[in-house]
Amino acid sequence: MKTNRARIIQLIHIAKSQMGMDTDTYRQMLLSITGKTST
């Protein structure tokens, strides 16, 4: 069974794909929201 954190990260990546977001845009969004560039 996946941990809650792993499931949330999986859902984030699914949403990223569904929105057609490229890696650079995704990382910039993460940086602006969380101050980090990766999950």
PDB file of N, CA and C in Angstrom:
ATOM      1  N   MET A   1       0.839  -1.182   0.000  1.00  0.00           N
ATOM      2  CA  MET A   1       0.000   0.000   0.000  1.00  0.00           C
ATOM      3  C   MET A   1       0.884   1.246   0.000  1.00  0.00           C
ATOM      4  N   LYS A   2       0.550   2.203  -0.839  1.00  0.00           N
ATOM      5  CA  LYS A   2       1.328   3.432  -0.929  1.00  0.00           C
ATOM      6  C   LYS A   2       1.042   4.328   0.262  1.00  0.00           C
ATOM      7  N   THR A   3       2.069   5.048   0.650  1.00  0.00           N
ATOM      8  CA  THR A   3       1.870   6.023   1.715  1.00  0.00           C
ATOM      9  C   THR A   3       1.047   7.183   1.173  1.00  0.00           C
ATOM     10  N   ASN A   4       0.481   7.931   2.069  1.00  0.00           N
ATOM     11  CA  ASN A   4      -0.323   9.085   1.678  1.00  0.00           C
ATOM     12  C   ASN A   4       0.513  10.068   0.863  1.00  0.00           C
ATOM     13  N   ARG A   5       1.757  10.308   1.285  1.00  0.00           N
ATOM     14  CA  ARG A   5       2.645  11.231   0.574  1.00  0.00           C
ATOM     15  C   ARG A   5       2.907  10.734  -0.845  1.00  0.00           C
ATOM     16  N   ALA A   6       3.192   9.445  -0.984  1.00  0.00           N
ATOM     17  CA  ALA A   6       3.461   8.883  -2.309  1.00  0.00           C
ATOM     18  C   ALA A   6       2.239   9.011  -3.210  1.00  0.00           C
ATOM     19  N   ARG A   7       1.067   8.805  -2.662  1.00  0.00           N
ATOM     20  CA  ARG A   7      -0.174   8.923  -3.442  1.00  0.00           C
ATOM     21  C   ARG A   7      -0.399  10.366  -3.895  1.00  0.00           C
ATOM     22  N   ILE A   8      -0.145  11.314  -3.014  1.00  0.00           N
ATOM     23  CA  ILE A   8      -0.306  12.727  -3.366  1.00  0.00           C
ATOM     24  C   ILE A   8       0.664  13.109  -4.483  1.00  0.00           C
ATOM     25  N   ILE A   9       1.915  12.668  -4.373  1.00  0.00           N
ATOM     26  CA  ILE A   9       2.902  12.954  -5.417  1.00  0.00           C
ATOM     27  C   ILE A   9       2.469  12.338  -6.741  1.00  0.00           C
ATOM     28  N   GLN A  10       1.951  11.119  -6.689  1.00  0.00           N
ATOM     29  CA  GLN A  10       1.455  10.464  -7.899  1.00  0.00           C
ATOM     30  C   GLN A  10       0.331  11.289  -8.537  1.00  0.00           C
ATOM     31  N   LEU A  11      -0.590  11.774  -7.743  1.00  0.00           N
ATOM     32  CA  LEU A  11      -1.699  12.584  -8.258  1.00  0.00           C
ATOM     33  C   LEU A  11      -1.214  13.907  -8.844  1.00  0.00           C
ATOM     34  N   ILE A  12      -0.200  14.490  -8.233  1.00  0.00           N
ATOM     35  CA  ILE A  12       0.377  15.729  -8.766  1.00  0.00           C
ATOM     36  C   ILE A  12       0.951  15.482 -10.154  1.00  0.00           C
ATOM     37  N   HIS A  13       1.662  14.372 -10.326  1.00  0.00           N
ATOM     38  CA  HIS A  13       2.250  14.058 -11.627  1.00  0.00           C
ATOM     39  C   HIS A  13       1.185  13.730 -12.671  1.00  0.00           C
ATOM     40  N   ILE A  14       0.110  13.100 -12.258  1.00  0.00           N
ATOM     41  CA  ILE A  14      -1.003  12.834 -13.179  1.00  0.00           C
ATOM     42  C   ILE A  14      -1.612  14.151 -13.640  1.00  0.00           C
ATOM     43  N   ALA A  15      -1.849  15.062 -12.708  1.00  0.00           N
ATOM     44  CA  ALA A  15      -2.426  16.368 -13.057  1.00  0.00           C
ATOM     45  C   ALA A  15      -1.490  17.140 -13.981  1.00  0.00           C
ATOM     46  N   LYS A  16      -0.194  17.086 -13.702  1.00  0.00           N
ATOM     47  CA  LYS A  16       0.800  17.751 -14.551  1.00  0.00           C
ATOM     48  C   LYS A  16       0.688  17.245 -15.984  1.00  0.00           C
ATOM     49  N   SER A  17       0.583  15.951 -16.146  1.00  0.00           N
ATOM     50  CA  SER A  17       0.458  15.355 -17.477  1.00  0.00           C
ATOM     51  C   SER A  17      -0.850  15.746 -18.144  1.00  0.00           C
ATOM     52  N   GLN A  18      -1.929  15.725 -17.393  1.00  0.00           N
ATOM     53  CA  GLN A  18      -3.238  16.059 -17.955  1.00  0.00           C
ATOM     54  C   GLN A  18      -3.305  17.517 -18.404  1.00  0.00           C
ATOM     55  N   MET A  19      -2.549  18.391 -17.744  1.00  0.00           N
ATOM     56  CA  MET A  19      -2.525  19.803 -18.120  1.00  0.00           C
ATOM     57  C   MET A  19      -1.532  20.081 -19.238  1.00  0.00           C
ATOM     58  N   GLY A  20      -0.751  19.067 -19.610  1.00  0.00           N
ATOM     59  CA  GLY A  20       0.235  19.246 -20.664  1.00  0.00           C
ATOM     60  C   GLY A  20       1.393  20.141 -20.252  1.00  0.00           C
ATOM     61  N   MET A  21       1.708  20.129 -18.972  1.00  0.00           N
ATOM     62  CA  MET A  21       2.743  21.005 -18.437  1.00  0.00           C
ATOM     63  C   MET A  21       4.125  20.390 -18.676  1.00  0.00           C
ATOM     64  N   ASP A  22       5.049  21.181 -19.246  1.00  0.00           N
ATOM     65  CA  ASP A  22       6.405  20.665 -19.438  1.00  0.00           C
ATOM     66  C   ASP A  22       7.174  20.736 -18.114  1.00  0.00           C
ATOM     67  N   THR A  23       8.319  20.080 -18.086  1.00  0.00           N
ATOM     68  CA  THR A  23       9.092  19.968 -16.848  1.00  0.00           C
ATOM     69  C   THR A  23       9.539  21.326 -16.319  1.00  0.00           C
ATOM     70  N   ASP A  24       9.997  22.202 -17.205  1.00  0.00           N
ATOM     71  CA  ASP A  24      10.455  23.522 -16.751  1.00  0.00           C
ATOM     72  C   ASP A  24       9.329  24.323 -16.107  1.00  0.00           C
ATOM     73  N   THR A  25       8.159  24.301 -16.731  1.00  0.00           N
ATOM     74  CA  THR A  25       7.005  25.019 -16.185  1.00  0.00           C
ATOM     75  C   THR A  25       6.590  24.420 -14.845  1.00  0.00           C
ATOM     76  N   TYR A  26       6.568  23.099 -14.775  1.00  0.00           N
ATOM     77  CA  TYR A  26       6.215  22.387 -13.542  1.00  0.00           C
ATOM     78  C   TYR A  26       7.164  22.775 -12.404  1.00  0.00           C
ATOM     79  N   ARG A  27       8.455  22.756 -12.685  1.00  0.00           N
ATOM     80  CA  ARG A  27       9.438  23.093 -11.649  1.00  0.00           C
ATOM     81  C   ARG A  27       9.332  24.555 -11.219  1.00  0.00           C
ATOM     82  N   GLN A  28       9.042  25.440 -12.165  1.00  0.00           N
ATOM     83  CA  GLN A  28       8.863  26.859 -11.827  1.00  0.00           C
ATOM     84  C   GLN A  28       7.635  27.047 -10.939  1.00  0.00           C
ATOM     85  N   MET A  29       6.559  26.314 -11.246  1.00  0.00           N
ATOM     86  CA  MET A  29       5.354  26.380 -10.429  1.00  0.00           C
ATOM     87  C   MET A  29       5.652  25.880  -9.014  1.00  0.00           C
ATOM     88  N   LEU A  30       6.348  24.748  -8.909  1.00  0.00           N
ATOM     89  CA  LEU A  30       6.704  24.219  -7.590  1.00  0.00           C
ATOM     90  C   LEU A  30       7.543  25.225  -6.807  1.00  0.00           C
ATOM     91  N   LEU A  31       8.512  25.830  -7.483  1.00  0.00           N
ATOM     92  CA  LEU A  31       9.379  26.797  -6.824  1.00  0.00           C
ATOM     93  C   LEU A  31       8.586  27.985  -6.292  1.00  0.00           C
ATOM     94  N   SER A  32       7.647  28.474  -7.079  1.00  0.00           N
ATOM     95  CA  SER A  32       6.874  29.639  -6.641  1.00  0.00           C
ATOM     96  C   SER A  32       5.917  29.313  -5.499  1.00  0.00           C
ATOM     97  N   ILE A  33       5.455  28.063  -5.441  1.00  0.00           N
ATOM     98  CA  ILE A  33       4.503  27.673  -4.395  1.00  0.00           C
ATOM     99  C   ILE A  33       5.202  27.174  -3.135  1.00  0.00           C
ATOM    100  N   THR A  34       6.234  26.332  -3.327  1.00  0.00           N
ATOM    101  CA  THR A  34       6.837  25.653  -2.179  1.00  0.00           C
ATOM    102  C   THR A  34       8.255  26.087  -1.847  1.00  0.00           C
ATOM    103  N   GLY A  35       8.899  26.782  -2.793  1.00  0.00           N
ATOM    104  CA  GLY A  35      10.295  27.137  -2.584  1.00  0.00           C
ATOM    105  C   GLY A  35      11.242  26.013  -2.953  1.00  0.00           C
ATOM    106  N   LYS A  36      10.715  24.923  -3.510  1.00  0.00           N
ATOM    107  CA  LYS A  36      11.512  23.769  -3.935  1.00  0.00           C
ATOM    108  C   LYS A  36      11.222  23.489  -5.401  1.00  0.00           C
ATOM    109  N   THR A  37      12.178  22.817  -6.080  1.00  0.00           N
ATOM    110  CA  THR A  37      11.991  22.553  -7.507  1.00  0.00           C
ATOM    111  C   THR A  37      11.647  21.102  -7.817  1.00  0.00           C
ATOM    112  N   SER A  38      11.489  20.288  -6.790  1.00  0.00           N
ATOM    113  CA  SER A  38      11.093  18.902  -7.032  1.00  0.00           C
ATOM    114  C   SER A  38      10.265  18.379  -5.873  1.00  0.00           C
ATOM    115  N   THR A  39       9.491  17.330  -6.165  1.00  0.00           N
ATOM    116  CA  THR A  39       8.689  16.719  -5.119  1.00  0.00           C
ATOM    117  C   THR A  39       9.561  15.745  -4.385  1.00  0.00           C
TER     118      THR A  39
END
